[in-house]
N, C-alpha and C. Protein backbone atom coordinates (compact mmCIF):
# COMPACT_ATOMS: atom_id res chain seq x y z
N MET A 1 0.75 -1.02 0.02
CA MET A 1 -0.07 0.16 -0.04
C MET A 1 0.95 1.39 0.04
N ALA A 2 0.61 2.15 -0.98
CA ALA A 2 1.47 3.47 -0.99
C ALA A 2 1.40 4.25 0.03
N ASN A 3 2.34 4.89 0.60
CA ASN A 3 2.35 5.99 1.55
C ASN A 3 3.05 7.15 1.18
N TRP A 4 2.43 8.04 0.42
CA TRP A 4 3.07 9.15 -0.08
C TRP A 4 3.26 10.28 0.82
N VAL A 5 4.32 10.89 0.81
CA VAL A 5 4.78 11.91 1.72
C VAL A 5 5.20 13.27 1.16
N ARG A 6 5.08 14.33 1.52
CA ARG A 6 5.35 15.69 0.79
C ARG A 6 6.90 15.73 1.32
N LEU A 7 7.89 16.14 0.48
CA LEU A 7 9.25 16.57 1.07
C LEU A 7 9.51 17.95 0.92
N GLY A 8 9.18 18.65 0.02
CA GLY A 8 9.22 20.03 -0.31
C GLY A 8 8.79 20.45 -1.77
N ARG A 9 9.48 21.42 -2.01
CA ARG A 9 9.20 22.08 -3.43
C ARG A 9 10.33 21.75 -4.29
N ALA A 10 9.92 21.57 -5.63
CA ALA A 10 11.10 21.11 -6.59
C ALA A 10 12.11 22.29 -6.64
N GLU A 11 11.68 23.55 -6.47
CA GLU A 11 12.48 24.68 -6.79
C GLU A 11 13.62 24.69 -5.59
N GLU A 12 13.40 24.09 -4.59
CA GLU A 12 14.44 23.96 -3.62
C GLU A 12 15.52 23.09 -3.90
N ILE A 13 15.68 22.51 -5.06
CA ILE A 13 16.71 21.51 -5.58
C ILE A 13 17.27 22.11 -7.08
N PRO A 14 18.34 22.73 -6.94
CA PRO A 14 18.88 23.34 -8.11
C PRO A 14 19.12 22.42 -9.07
N SER A 15 19.36 22.60 -10.30
CA SER A 15 19.75 21.48 -11.30
C SER A 15 21.34 20.84 -11.00
N GLY A 16 21.50 19.81 -11.09
CA GLY A 16 22.82 19.15 -10.68
C GLY A 16 23.13 19.18 -9.32
N GLN A 17 22.09 19.28 -8.53
CA GLN A 17 22.46 19.21 -6.82
C GLN A 17 21.31 18.23 -6.23
N CYS A 18 21.65 18.11 -4.98
CA CYS A 18 20.77 17.23 -4.13
C CYS A 18 20.33 18.04 -2.81
N ARG A 19 19.35 17.67 -2.32
CA ARG A 19 18.68 18.17 -1.12
C ARG A 19 18.41 16.94 -0.29
N VAL A 20 18.69 16.95 0.83
CA VAL A 20 18.43 15.87 1.82
C VAL A 20 17.14 16.09 2.83
N TYR A 21 16.26 15.22 2.96
CA TYR A 21 15.24 15.37 3.85
C TYR A 21 14.86 14.16 4.53
N GLU A 22 14.31 14.74 5.85
CA GLU A 22 14.08 13.66 6.85
C GLU A 22 12.35 13.42 6.90
N SER A 23 12.18 12.14 6.65
CA SER A 23 10.50 12.14 6.66
C SER A 23 10.41 10.48 7.15
N THR A 24 9.49 10.41 7.99
CA THR A 24 8.81 9.16 8.58
C THR A 24 9.99 8.02 8.94
N GLY A 25 11.04 8.63 9.75
CA GLY A 25 12.17 7.82 10.23
C GLY A 25 13.27 7.64 9.14
N ARG A 26 13.10 8.28 7.93
CA ARG A 26 14.02 8.12 6.79
C ARG A 26 14.93 9.02 6.47
N THR A 27 16.01 8.87 5.90
CA THR A 27 16.80 10.15 5.51
C THR A 27 16.76 10.00 3.90
N ILE A 28 15.97 10.78 3.01
CA ILE A 28 16.06 10.65 1.66
C ILE A 28 16.96 11.47 0.85
N ALA A 29 17.61 11.18 0.00
CA ALA A 29 18.38 12.19 -0.95
C ALA A 29 17.71 12.32 -2.16
N VAL A 30 17.26 13.60 -2.65
CA VAL A 30 16.61 13.96 -3.62
C VAL A 30 17.38 14.82 -4.64
N PHE A 31 17.77 14.13 -5.82
CA PHE A 31 18.68 14.70 -6.86
C PHE A 31 18.06 15.29 -8.10
N ASN A 32 18.48 16.30 -8.37
CA ASN A 32 17.79 17.09 -9.66
C ASN A 32 18.90 16.82 -10.71
N VAL A 33 18.77 16.09 -11.68
CA VAL A 33 19.73 15.91 -12.68
C VAL A 33 19.11 15.78 -14.14
N ALA A 34 19.69 15.85 -15.13
CA ALA A 34 19.20 15.95 -16.42
C ALA A 34 18.12 14.95 -16.72
N GLU A 35 18.08 13.71 -16.02
CA GLU A 35 17.08 12.79 -16.29
C GLU A 35 16.05 12.95 -15.57
N GLY A 36 16.07 14.10 -14.75
CA GLY A 36 14.78 14.31 -13.86
C GLY A 36 15.03 14.27 -12.40
N ILE A 37 14.19 14.37 -11.44
CA ILE A 37 14.07 14.30 -10.10
C ILE A 37 13.93 13.15 -9.67
N HIS A 38 14.81 12.68 -8.72
CA HIS A 38 15.10 11.15 -8.24
C HIS A 38 15.39 11.16 -6.84
N ALA A 39 14.52 10.18 -6.21
CA ALA A 39 14.93 10.03 -4.76
C ALA A 39 15.36 8.71 -4.36
N ILE A 40 16.43 8.77 -3.49
CA ILE A 40 17.18 7.51 -2.95
C ILE A 40 17.49 7.69 -1.69
N ASP A 41 17.69 6.33 -0.85
CA ASP A 41 18.11 6.31 0.31
C ASP A 41 19.34 6.98 0.38
N ASN A 42 19.62 7.84 1.54
CA ASN A 42 20.69 8.79 1.78
C ASN A 42 21.98 8.06 2.06
N THR A 43 21.91 6.67 2.81
CA THR A 43 22.84 5.97 3.20
C THR A 43 23.58 5.09 2.31
N CYS A 44 24.95 5.15 2.30
CA CYS A 44 25.68 4.15 1.47
C CYS A 44 25.77 3.02 1.97
N VAL A 45 25.45 1.73 1.24
CA VAL A 45 25.36 0.45 1.72
C VAL A 45 26.74 -0.17 2.01
N HIS A 46 27.72 0.56 1.85
CA HIS A 46 29.18 0.02 2.02
C HIS A 46 29.42 0.55 3.66
N ARG A 47 29.42 1.68 4.06
CA ARG A 47 29.79 1.92 5.40
C ARG A 47 28.79 3.02 6.01
N GLY A 48 27.84 3.28 5.31
CA GLY A 48 26.84 4.38 5.69
C GLY A 48 26.93 5.70 5.78
N GLY A 49 27.91 6.07 4.62
CA GLY A 49 28.29 7.42 4.36
C GLY A 49 27.02 8.22 3.69
N PRO A 50 26.93 9.52 3.91
CA PRO A 50 25.82 10.36 3.58
C PRO A 50 25.96 10.45 1.93
N LEU A 51 25.12 10.01 1.16
CA LEU A 51 25.12 10.09 -0.33
C LEU A 51 24.73 11.44 -0.68
N GLY A 52 24.04 12.15 -0.01
CA GLY A 52 23.49 13.56 -0.20
C GLY A 52 24.70 14.47 -0.05
N GLU A 53 25.70 14.09 0.42
CA GLU A 53 26.84 15.24 0.58
C GLU A 53 28.01 14.77 -0.47
N GLY A 54 27.67 13.71 -1.38
CA GLY A 54 28.57 13.21 -2.46
C GLY A 54 28.58 14.20 -3.53
N GLU A 55 29.72 13.90 -4.36
CA GLU A 55 29.97 14.88 -5.65
C GLU A 55 28.99 14.08 -6.77
N ILE A 56 28.17 15.00 -7.33
CA ILE A 56 27.26 14.45 -8.45
C ILE A 56 28.09 14.84 -9.72
N SER A 57 28.18 13.73 -10.69
CA SER A 57 28.56 13.92 -12.14
C SER A 57 27.56 13.31 -13.02
N GLY A 58 26.86 14.12 -13.80
CA GLY A 58 25.59 13.53 -14.33
C GLY A 58 24.66 12.85 -13.51
N LYS A 59 24.60 11.73 -13.80
CA LYS A 59 23.44 10.92 -12.90
C LYS A 59 24.12 10.18 -11.95
N ILE A 60 25.32 10.22 -11.61
CA ILE A 60 26.21 9.41 -10.70
C ILE A 60 26.39 10.40 -9.56
N VAL A 61 26.25 9.77 -8.36
CA VAL A 61 26.81 10.46 -7.11
C VAL A 61 27.71 9.54 -6.54
N THR A 62 28.92 9.98 -5.98
CA THR A 62 29.84 9.13 -5.10
C THR A 62 29.96 9.68 -3.80
N CYS A 63 29.80 8.46 -3.09
CA CYS A 63 29.97 8.68 -1.60
C CYS A 63 31.18 9.65 -1.16
N PRO A 64 31.05 10.43 -0.24
CA PRO A 64 32.34 11.12 0.34
C PRO A 64 33.13 10.48 1.05
N TRP A 65 32.62 9.25 1.60
CA TRP A 65 33.53 8.36 2.63
C TRP A 65 34.44 7.55 2.06
N HIS A 66 34.04 6.56 0.98
CA HIS A 66 34.71 5.76 0.54
C HIS A 66 34.78 5.56 -1.02
N HIS A 67 34.06 6.62 -1.54
CA HIS A 67 33.94 6.54 -2.97
C HIS A 67 33.18 5.77 -3.87
N TRP A 68 32.27 4.95 -3.18
CA TRP A 68 31.41 4.01 -3.87
C TRP A 68 30.46 5.01 -4.87
N SER A 69 29.99 4.71 -5.99
CA SER A 69 29.32 5.54 -6.74
C SER A 69 27.98 4.72 -7.02
N TYR A 70 27.02 5.57 -7.24
CA TYR A 70 25.57 5.25 -7.59
C TYR A 70 24.94 5.88 -8.59
N ASP A 71 24.06 5.26 -9.40
CA ASP A 71 23.28 5.71 -10.45
C ASP A 71 21.97 6.38 -9.53
N VAL A 72 21.86 7.78 -9.48
CA VAL A 72 20.71 8.20 -8.75
C VAL A 72 19.24 7.84 -9.45
N THR A 73 19.31 7.43 -10.84
CA THR A 73 18.06 7.11 -11.40
C THR A 73 17.28 5.64 -11.09
N THR A 74 18.54 4.88 -10.57
CA THR A 74 18.11 3.45 -10.15
C THR A 74 18.35 3.11 -8.74
N GLY A 75 19.42 3.97 -8.15
CA GLY A 75 19.74 3.38 -6.77
C GLY A 75 20.93 2.26 -6.75
N LYS A 76 21.32 1.82 -8.01
CA LYS A 76 22.12 0.76 -7.97
C LYS A 76 23.63 1.46 -8.09
N THR A 77 24.49 0.66 -7.34
CA THR A 77 26.00 1.02 -7.62
C THR A 77 26.46 0.88 -9.15
N THR A 78 27.50 1.68 -9.35
CA THR A 78 28.19 1.44 -10.84
C THR A 78 28.78 0.14 -10.76
N MET A 79 29.10 -0.55 -9.82
CA MET A 79 29.99 -1.86 -9.79
C MET A 79 28.93 -3.13 -10.05
N SER A 80 27.78 -2.77 -9.68
CA SER A 80 26.89 -3.93 -9.81
C SER A 80 25.43 -3.58 -9.84
N GLU A 81 24.74 -4.46 -10.53
CA GLU A 81 23.25 -4.18 -10.81
C GLU A 81 22.37 -4.91 -9.71
N THR A 82 23.14 -5.61 -8.92
CA THR A 82 22.38 -6.36 -7.76
C THR A 82 22.65 -5.47 -6.52
N ILE A 83 23.68 -4.67 -6.39
CA ILE A 83 23.70 -3.87 -5.10
C ILE A 83 23.50 -2.43 -5.28
N GLY A 84 22.58 -1.81 -4.25
CA GLY A 84 22.34 -0.56 -4.28
C GLY A 84 21.52 -0.08 -3.03
N VAL A 85 21.03 0.94 -3.05
CA VAL A 85 20.24 1.79 -2.10
C VAL A 85 18.83 1.63 -2.51
N LYS A 86 17.74 1.98 -1.65
CA LYS A 86 16.38 1.98 -2.14
C LYS A 86 16.02 3.14 -2.92
N LYS A 87 15.42 2.91 -4.05
CA LYS A 87 14.82 4.04 -4.87
C LYS A 87 13.47 4.32 -4.57
N TYR A 88 13.21 5.55 -4.32
CA TYR A 88 11.87 5.85 -3.85
C TYR A 88 10.99 6.34 -5.17
N PRO A 89 9.71 5.73 -5.35
CA PRO A 89 8.79 6.29 -6.44
C PRO A 89 8.59 7.79 -6.09
N LEU A 90 8.76 8.78 -6.94
CA LEU A 90 8.66 10.24 -6.93
C LEU A 90 7.61 10.61 -7.85
N GLU A 91 6.80 11.51 -7.39
CA GLU A 91 5.80 12.42 -8.29
C GLU A 91 5.95 13.86 -8.05
N LEU A 92 5.98 14.81 -9.07
CA LEU A 92 5.92 16.15 -8.72
C LEU A 92 4.43 16.35 -8.98
N ARG A 93 3.77 17.25 -7.92
CA ARG A 93 2.50 17.70 -7.72
C ARG A 93 2.52 18.97 -7.53
N ASP A 94 2.04 19.89 -8.61
CA ASP A 94 1.88 21.29 -8.61
C ASP A 94 3.46 21.87 -8.04
N ASP A 95 4.68 21.43 -8.49
CA ASP A 95 6.05 21.72 -8.09
C ASP A 95 6.37 21.23 -6.88
N GLU A 96 5.62 20.38 -6.06
CA GLU A 96 5.87 19.75 -4.82
C GLU A 96 6.65 18.40 -4.97
N VAL A 97 7.43 17.92 -4.30
CA VAL A 97 8.07 16.65 -4.38
C VAL A 97 7.28 15.90 -3.39
N TRP A 98 6.76 14.66 -3.96
CA TRP A 98 6.16 13.70 -3.16
C TRP A 98 6.87 12.25 -3.39
N VAL A 99 7.16 11.39 -2.47
CA VAL A 99 7.69 10.24 -2.44
C VAL A 99 6.97 9.14 -1.74
N ASP A 100 6.85 8.02 -2.43
CA ASP A 100 6.25 7.00 -1.57
C ASP A 100 7.27 6.21 -0.73
N VAL A 101 7.15 6.24 0.63
CA VAL A 101 8.05 5.71 1.43
C VAL A 101 7.76 4.34 1.75
N GLU A 102 6.69 3.79 1.29
CA GLU A 102 6.40 2.29 1.63
C GLU A 102 7.41 1.31 1.06
């Protein structure tokens, strides 16, 4: 069952950047890249680094702690299609960012 929550306004996330939100006990990194706005879990699966503080290059974010890289459009690492973080379904509703945290 879907559990949609409002995180903020799309205009709060400049192109090529990330904004981190806390909601329902989760920390969610929302990226605005050329491929659109995408939401993934903010915690790197390697050692728990904050992905929202990582360097963004195109649609790839690199964890600032140990340099694991993730595709923000899928949540998967660039090393493996089977390893990754949760990718949240996202909708823009009247310029507001909503994610399904279920």
